[in-house]
N, C-alpha and C. Protein backbone atom coordinates (compact mmCIF):
# COMPACT_ATOMS: atom_id res chain seq x y z
N MET A 1 0.90 -1.09 -0.14
CA MET A 1 0.06 -0.15 -0.08
C MET A 1 0.96 1.26 0.04
N VAL A 2 0.62 2.22 -0.84
CA VAL A 2 1.39 3.45 -0.91
C VAL A 2 0.95 4.42 0.16
N SER A 3 1.60 5.02 0.92
CA SER A 3 1.36 5.86 1.94
C SER A 3 0.97 7.36 1.51
N LYS A 4 0.41 8.19 2.05
CA LYS A 4 0.24 9.59 1.52
C LYS A 4 1.34 10.46 1.33
N ILE A 5 2.70 10.34 2.06
CA ILE A 5 3.70 10.99 1.56
C ILE A 5 4.17 10.17 0.21
N GLN A 6 4.10 9.31 0.03
CA GLN A 6 4.56 8.42 -1.05
C GLN A 6 4.11 8.71 -2.52
N ARG A 7 2.82 9.10 -2.23
CA ARG A 7 1.93 9.35 -3.13
C ARG A 7 1.81 10.13 -3.91
N ARG A 8 2.40 11.66 -2.75
CA ARG A 8 2.23 13.26 -2.85
C ARG A 8 3.55 13.15 -3.79
N ASN A 9 4.47 12.65 -3.05
CA ASN A 9 5.84 12.45 -3.92
C ASN A 9 5.94 12.30 -5.21
N LYS A 10 5.20 11.15 -5.55
CA LYS A 10 5.36 10.60 -7.16
C LYS A 10 4.50 12.04 -7.69
N ILE A 11 3.19 12.28 -7.12
CA ILE A 11 2.57 13.62 -7.83
C ILE A 11 3.57 14.58 -8.31
N LYS A 12 4.43 15.05 -7.05
CA LYS A 12 5.15 15.94 -7.46
C LYS A 12 6.22 15.97 -8.19
N ALA A 13 6.78 14.71 -8.29
CA ALA A 13 8.09 14.59 -9.27
C ALA A 13 7.48 14.68 -10.61
N ARG A 14 6.10 14.21 -10.90
CA ARG A 14 5.19 14.30 -12.41
C ARG A 14 5.23 15.77 -12.62
N ILE A 15 4.96 16.62 -11.60
CA ILE A 15 4.20 17.86 -11.88
C ILE A 15 5.82 18.69 -12.23
N ARG A 16 6.69 18.48 -11.12
CA ARG A 16 8.30 19.29 -11.69
C ARG A 16 8.85 19.03 -12.90
N GLY A 17 8.67 17.68 -13.43
CA GLY A 17 9.37 17.20 -14.59
C GLY A 17 8.54 18.02 -15.83
N LYS A 18 7.60 18.71 -15.71
CA LYS A 18 6.61 19.38 -16.67
C LYS A 18 7.05 21.27 -16.64
N ILE A 19 7.13 21.27 -15.24
CA ILE A 19 7.10 22.92 -14.83
C ILE A 19 8.45 23.13 -14.36
N SER A 20 9.00 24.58 -14.58
CA SER A 20 10.16 25.03 -13.65
C SER A 20 10.37 26.47 -13.91
N GLY A 21 11.03 27.09 -12.88
CA GLY A 21 11.04 28.62 -13.19
C GLY A 21 11.95 29.25 -13.87
N THR A 22 11.45 30.27 -14.67
CA THR A 22 12.70 30.86 -15.21
C THR A 22 12.81 32.41 -14.82
N PRO A 23 13.61 33.22 -15.03
CA PRO A 23 13.82 34.47 -14.68
C PRO A 23 12.60 35.44 -14.97
N GLU A 24 12.21 35.05 -16.45
CA GLU A 24 10.95 35.69 -16.65
C GLU A 24 9.67 35.48 -16.15
N ARG A 25 9.42 34.15 -15.67
CA ARG A 25 8.21 33.63 -15.63
C ARG A 25 8.62 32.32 -14.11
N PRO A 26 8.93 33.37 -12.78
CA PRO A 26 9.46 32.10 -11.53
C PRO A 26 8.26 31.14 -11.66
N ARG A 27 8.66 30.19 -10.55
CA ARG A 27 7.66 28.89 -10.00
C ARG A 27 7.21 29.54 -8.90
N LEU A 28 5.80 29.57 -8.41
CA LEU A 28 5.31 29.78 -7.41
C LEU A 28 5.06 28.36 -6.62
N SER A 29 5.87 28.25 -5.71
CA SER A 29 5.76 27.24 -4.95
C SER A 29 5.21 27.15 -3.62
N VAL A 30 4.19 26.08 -3.18
CA VAL A 30 3.30 26.24 -2.03
C VAL A 30 3.69 24.87 -1.42
N PHE A 31 3.84 25.30 -0.04
CA PHE A 31 3.93 23.90 1.11
C PHE A 31 3.01 24.03 2.06
N ARG A 32 2.45 23.21 2.51
CA ARG A 32 0.96 23.11 3.37
C ARG A 32 1.46 22.20 4.32
N SER A 33 1.25 22.49 5.73
CA SER A 33 1.72 21.88 6.74
C SER A 33 0.73 21.58 7.33
N ASN A 34 0.53 21.01 8.76
CA ASN A 34 -1.00 20.89 9.39
C ASN A 34 -1.09 22.42 9.94
N LYS A 35 -0.49 23.29 10.29
CA LYS A 35 -0.66 24.06 10.93
C LYS A 35 -0.51 25.80 10.23
N GLN A 36 0.64 25.68 9.20
CA GLN A 36 1.21 26.96 8.42
C GLN A 36 0.98 26.88 6.89
N ILE A 37 1.46 27.54 6.35
CA ILE A 37 1.29 27.47 4.75
C ILE A 37 2.15 28.35 4.40
N TYR A 38 3.11 28.16 3.26
CA TYR A 38 4.33 28.83 2.89
C TYR A 38 4.04 29.14 1.72
N ALA A 39 4.90 29.93 1.26
CA ALA A 39 4.90 30.34 -0.43
C ALA A 39 6.22 30.63 -0.82
N GLN A 40 6.79 30.31 -1.86
CA GLN A 40 8.11 30.96 -2.24
C GLN A 40 7.86 31.15 -4.02
N VAL A 41 8.33 32.17 -4.33
CA VAL A 41 8.54 32.59 -5.67
C VAL A 41 10.00 32.08 -6.37
N ILE A 42 10.27 30.94 -7.02
CA ILE A 42 11.69 30.87 -7.35
C ILE A 42 12.01 30.35 -8.58
N ASP A 43 13.27 31.01 -8.79
CA ASP A 43 14.00 30.96 -10.17
C ASP A 43 14.69 29.68 -10.38
N ASP A 44 14.52 28.65 -10.89
CA ASP A 44 15.01 27.20 -10.91
C ASP A 44 16.51 27.59 -11.70
N GLN A 45 16.43 28.57 -12.88
CA GLN A 45 17.93 28.35 -13.44
C GLN A 45 18.69 28.53 -12.65
N ALA A 46 18.90 29.85 -11.62
CA ALA A 46 19.60 30.59 -11.01
C ALA A 46 19.69 29.36 -9.59
N GLY A 47 18.51 28.82 -9.51
CA GLY A 47 18.68 27.80 -7.99
C GLY A 47 18.12 29.16 -6.85
N ARG A 48 17.61 30.03 -6.72
CA ARG A 48 17.34 30.63 -5.90
C ARG A 48 15.87 31.44 -5.49
N THR A 49 15.55 31.50 -4.38
CA THR A 49 14.06 31.99 -4.07
C THR A 49 14.58 33.70 -4.34
N LEU A 50 13.02 34.13 -4.66
CA LEU A 50 13.28 35.43 -5.37
C LEU A 50 12.79 36.37 -3.91
N VAL A 51 11.19 36.01 -3.94
CA VAL A 51 10.19 36.30 -2.63
C VAL A 51 9.80 35.42 -2.05
N SER A 52 9.12 35.38 -0.82
CA SER A 52 8.77 34.39 -0.01
C SER A 52 7.97 34.79 1.40
N ALA A 53 6.60 33.88 1.41
CA ALA A 53 5.60 34.52 2.24
C ALA A 53 5.22 33.20 3.36
N SER A 54 4.74 33.53 4.50
CA SER A 54 4.44 32.41 4.97
C SER A 54 3.51 32.96 5.98
N SER A 55 2.54 31.82 6.76
CA SER A 55 1.38 32.37 7.59
C SER A 55 1.75 32.47 8.94
N LYS A 56 3.23 32.28 9.32
CA LYS A 56 3.72 32.60 10.82
C LYS A 56 3.37 33.74 11.40
N GLY A 57 2.76 34.02 12.21
CA GLY A 57 2.63 34.97 12.84
C GLY A 57 1.06 35.69 12.76
N ILE A 58 0.45 35.26 11.68
CA ILE A 58 -0.84 35.60 11.42
C ILE A 58 -1.76 34.79 12.20
N THR A 59 -3.09 35.46 13.20
CA THR A 59 -3.72 34.14 13.88
C THR A 59 -4.71 34.77 13.62
N GLU A 60 -5.51 35.95 12.94
CA GLU A 60 -6.57 36.14 12.69
C GLU A 60 -7.26 35.11 11.38
N GLY A 61 -8.40 34.79 11.91
CA GLY A 61 -9.26 34.08 10.65
C GLY A 61 -9.12 32.36 10.57
N ASN A 62 -9.90 31.81 9.83
CA ASN A 62 -9.50 30.21 9.58
C ASN A 62 -8.14 29.79 8.51
N LYS A 63 -8.23 28.71 8.40
CA LYS A 63 -6.61 28.36 7.89
C LYS A 63 -7.00 28.93 6.36
N SER A 64 -8.11 28.58 5.79
CA SER A 64 -8.36 29.13 4.28
C SER A 64 -8.26 30.96 4.11
N GLN A 65 -8.87 31.32 4.87
CA GLN A 65 -8.55 32.98 5.20
C GLN A 65 -6.98 33.38 5.06
N ILE A 66 -6.43 32.60 6.31
CA ILE A 66 -4.86 32.58 6.56
C ILE A 66 -4.26 32.57 4.96
N ALA A 67 -4.53 31.48 4.37
CA ALA A 67 -4.02 31.05 3.26
C ALA A 67 -4.03 32.28 2.26
N GLU A 68 -4.92 32.94 1.78
CA GLU A 68 -5.45 33.79 1.18
C GLU A 68 -4.68 35.01 1.29
N MET A 69 -4.56 35.22 2.57
CA MET A 69 -3.58 36.37 3.27
C MET A 69 -2.17 36.45 2.63
N VAL A 70 -1.62 35.20 2.84
CA VAL A 70 -0.33 34.51 2.49
C VAL A 70 -0.17 34.96 0.97
N GLY A 71 -1.26 34.22 0.35
CA GLY A 71 -1.27 34.46 -1.21
C GLY A 71 -0.86 36.14 -1.60
N GLU A 72 -1.72 37.05 -0.97
CA GLU A 72 -1.80 38.38 -1.09
C GLU A 72 -0.28 38.77 -0.61
N ALA A 73 0.03 38.22 0.30
CA ALA A 73 1.64 38.82 0.65
C ALA A 73 2.29 38.39 -0.26
N VAL A 74 2.40 37.36 -0.66
CA VAL A 74 3.62 36.84 -1.56
C VAL A 74 3.36 37.91 -2.90
N ALA A 75 2.24 37.75 -3.33
CA ALA A 75 1.95 38.66 -4.85
C ALA A 75 2.27 40.11 -4.49
N LYS A 76 2.05 40.86 -3.20
CA LYS A 76 2.65 42.16 -2.99
C LYS A 76 4.21 42.25 -3.12
N LYS A 77 4.70 41.19 -2.50
CA LYS A 77 6.44 41.01 -2.54
C LYS A 77 6.73 41.01 -3.83
N ALA A 78 6.53 39.89 -4.92
CA ALA A 78 6.35 39.52 -6.13
C ALA A 78 6.67 40.95 -6.77
N LEU A 79 5.52 41.62 -6.96
CA LEU A 79 5.38 42.77 -7.66
C LEU A 79 6.24 44.04 -7.40
N GLU A 80 6.24 43.69 -5.82
CA GLU A 80 7.63 45.25 -5.74
C GLU A 80 8.99 44.66 -6.34
N ALA A 81 9.22 43.13 -6.06
CA ALA A 81 10.59 42.66 -7.09
C ALA A 81 10.37 42.89 -8.57
N GLY A 82 9.30 43.02 -9.35
CA GLY A 82 9.24 43.51 -10.43
C GLY A 82 8.74 41.83 -11.39
N ILE A 83 8.07 40.94 -10.35
CA ILE A 83 7.89 39.48 -10.98
C ILE A 83 6.00 39.89 -11.28
N SER A 84 5.57 39.89 -12.28
CA SER A 84 4.23 40.16 -12.66
C SER A 84 3.33 38.67 -13.02
N THR A 85 4.55 37.50 -13.42
CA THR A 85 3.60 36.26 -13.86
C THR A 85 4.38 35.27 -13.22
N VAL A 86 3.83 34.37 -13.26
CA VAL A 86 4.06 33.36 -12.44
C VAL A 86 3.50 31.64 -12.87
N VAL A 87 4.61 30.81 -12.57
CA VAL A 87 4.00 29.62 -13.05
C VAL A 87 3.49 28.63 -11.69
N PHE A 88 2.34 28.26 -11.42
CA PHE A 88 1.99 27.92 -9.99
C PHE A 88 2.47 26.19 -9.99
N ASP A 89 3.04 26.10 -8.91
CA ASP A 89 3.58 24.74 -8.45
C ASP A 89 2.88 24.55 -7.02
N ARG A 90 1.52 23.35 -7.26
CA ARG A 90 1.10 23.24 -6.20
C ARG A 90 1.65 21.97 -5.23
N ASN A 91 2.93 21.40 -5.58
CA ASN A 91 3.95 20.75 -4.76
C ASN A 91 3.42 19.62 -4.48
N GLY A 92 2.38 19.10 -5.05
CA GLY A 92 1.75 17.62 -5.18
C GLY A 92 0.34 17.63 -4.16
N PHE A 93 0.15 18.78 -3.80
CA PHE A 93 -1.08 18.91 -2.76
C PHE A 93 -2.16 18.92 -3.94
N LEU A 94 -3.31 18.43 -3.61
CA LEU A 94 -4.67 18.83 -4.56
C LEU A 94 -4.88 20.26 -4.54
N PHE A 95 -5.28 20.51 -5.86
CA PHE A 95 -5.99 22.04 -5.91
C PHE A 95 -7.11 22.35 -5.32
N HIS A 96 -6.96 22.60 -4.23
CA HIS A 96 -8.33 22.88 -3.32
C HIS A 96 -8.25 23.14 -1.68
N GLY A 97 -9.43 23.67 -0.89
CA GLY A 97 -9.05 23.87 0.00
C GLY A 97 -7.89 25.37 0.28
N ARG A 98 -6.83 25.04 1.29
CA ARG A 98 -5.74 26.02 1.28
C ARG A 98 -5.29 26.37 0.22
N VAL A 99 -4.66 25.55 -0.46
CA VAL A 99 -3.44 25.99 -1.83
C VAL A 99 -4.70 26.51 -2.55
N LYS A 100 -6.01 26.16 -3.22
CA LYS A 100 -6.75 27.03 -3.84
C LYS A 100 -6.93 28.40 -3.44
N SER A 101 -7.25 28.77 -2.01
CA SER A 101 -7.08 30.10 -1.64
C SER A 101 -6.42 30.72 -1.47
N LEU A 102 -5.08 30.18 -1.35
CA LEU A 102 -3.43 31.21 -1.51
C LEU A 102 -3.44 31.42 -3.29
N ALA A 103 -3.98 30.28 -3.89
CA ALA A 103 -4.15 30.61 -5.34
C ALA A 103 -4.75 31.96 -5.76
N ASP A 104 -5.76 31.87 -4.80
CA ASP A 104 -7.00 33.03 -5.48
C ASP A 104 -6.45 34.24 -4.63
N GLY A 105 -5.87 34.28 -3.68
CA GLY A 105 -5.17 35.41 -2.90
C GLY A 105 -4.06 35.93 -3.71
N ALA A 106 -3.31 35.06 -4.33
CA ALA A 106 -2.11 35.73 -5.37
C ALA A 106 -2.76 35.97 -6.55
N ARG A 107 -3.76 35.82 -7.29
CA ARG A 107 -4.45 36.46 -8.17
C ARG A 107 -4.92 37.77 -7.71
N LYS A 108 -5.64 37.68 -7.01
CA LYS A 108 -6.04 38.91 -6.10
C LYS A 108 -4.97 40.11 -5.89
N GLY A 109 -4.10 39.91 -5.71
CA GLY A 109 -3.01 40.48 -5.38
C GLY A 109 -2.04 41.15 -6.42
N GLY A 110 -2.54 40.33 -7.46
CA GLY A 110 -1.84 41.02 -9.05
C GLY A 110 -0.99 39.95 -9.82
N LEU A 111 -0.72 38.93 -9.40
CA LEU A 111 -0.36 38.08 -9.95
C LEU A 111 -0.96 37.30 -11.18
N LYS A 112 -0.52 36.99 -12.29
CA LYS A 112 -0.78 36.29 -13.28
C LYS A 112 -0.25 34.89 -13.43
N PHE A 113 -0.88 33.53 -13.39
CA PHE A 113 -0.77 32.61 -13.48
C PHE A 113 -1.67 31.56 -14.01
């Protein structure tokens, strides 16, 4: 039987085989733990993180609302850094719930993907 982690890693590898971040269109990667959610905008060619945001320190609202705030925060930082379009990497997680809320928040904040 395949565990949840093994399943996610398999999906993650399949996604990462198809997408990668360039300097013109970096990758917006999402990581979701049980308590927090993190987002990074990554240039894979240079191998470095350009901007990042996390839910640490945000206490008001439920998890989905917090994820939307993180999406808006990463979008604001990315626009300040001159990044307007990204490719979305859900990192093996289903595009549902908190991951979808983060994506909606990033779109609301001005990012295009």
